């Protein structure tokens, strides 16, 4: 039997977090259905304004908070009692505003990557029940966050996500030249992070393995190697409930293993994506002499010098179904997708044995209670 995943004051039935995927690939629908099934559902905040009723083409940063709250509301309508959170990239220009909006919108968990969230406890001091979860790819990064939070805010992470740059999709917390050289050991990092918190603070903080988790075997391997849970993202894209257009989902079904690789994002971070249309992505902005109208990132080579392409617009185009000129982020295992399924079917595959035991125990308990009432009568 799998142990429930406890993050701060919140306990998920199953040890699974659905990874945040922007732009609007994991919004209210996907996050809500994952939470309804017993996992932790995450709304991705990057680009959340786009394709929202609040956005008029010129007010991107001004409407992000409203759009985020809308998606949280949708998620809670699907899973009123579920554990729903928000993924907020530290690299975003409106990082602080989005954190505040997430708390106001009822997020129970905040997961932050693409930079170290050194000021996160200050932004959430008024909401101590909100669980804070940094994403790291090294023990050193976890140490830096923990020591800063402890010294400055008397707060420690409620969990830590260890993301494997060798397999994860989207933006990666490692230098391009260090990815793929065979030196990185994710589970050595997982165990190292756990050991650090035990030795330094005497705490057994949950450590979540992210990257390359596709099926039950991957999950069991992660848990056997010391992780307390897994974060799964790409597997949830080809589902009915995923917030992306059907063409985006079909791109996962159509891609081959060799189609997936690394790009350098305008954010200054490597990213993993489907590479077959990279020239078209760059050409789109060149032909239109597009200028940065969003200002979505604190640091952006396209905003500063029109180098590469506008990442938020390219992600938005893909999410809406333009897979010819849109950027499609994915993990290394996206090629394994062979059909459109549902979130419930994925949970059934991952946790079928546990659900069967729980159902049997529930039925036996009900039968026992009925027998007691019958005797009493």
Foldseek 3Di string as FASTA:
>chain_A
DADWDDQQPDTFPHQEEADEDDDQQQFQLNQLVLQQLGYEREYEQFLLQPPDPVDPPFCQLVCSLVSRLVRLVSSCVSVVPGQYAYEAEPQWPCRLVNLLSRVVSPHQEYEYENDQPQCSCVSCVVPVRRAYEYEEQALVSQVVNQVSCCVPPVDHHSEYEHEDPQWFFFFDDDDPVPHPPPPGDRLVRQVSNQVCCCVVPVDRHAYEYEGDDAAQVSFVVSVVSPHSHYHHYLNQSLAPRGQFDVLLNVCLQPDDLVQWDWDQFQSRTIGIFRNPQQVLQQVVCVVVVDADSNSTGPGGNCNVPNPRHDQSVLCVCVRHNNPNRHTRMGTSCSNVDNHRHHSNVRCCRNCVVVVVVVVVVVVVVVVVVVVVVVVVD
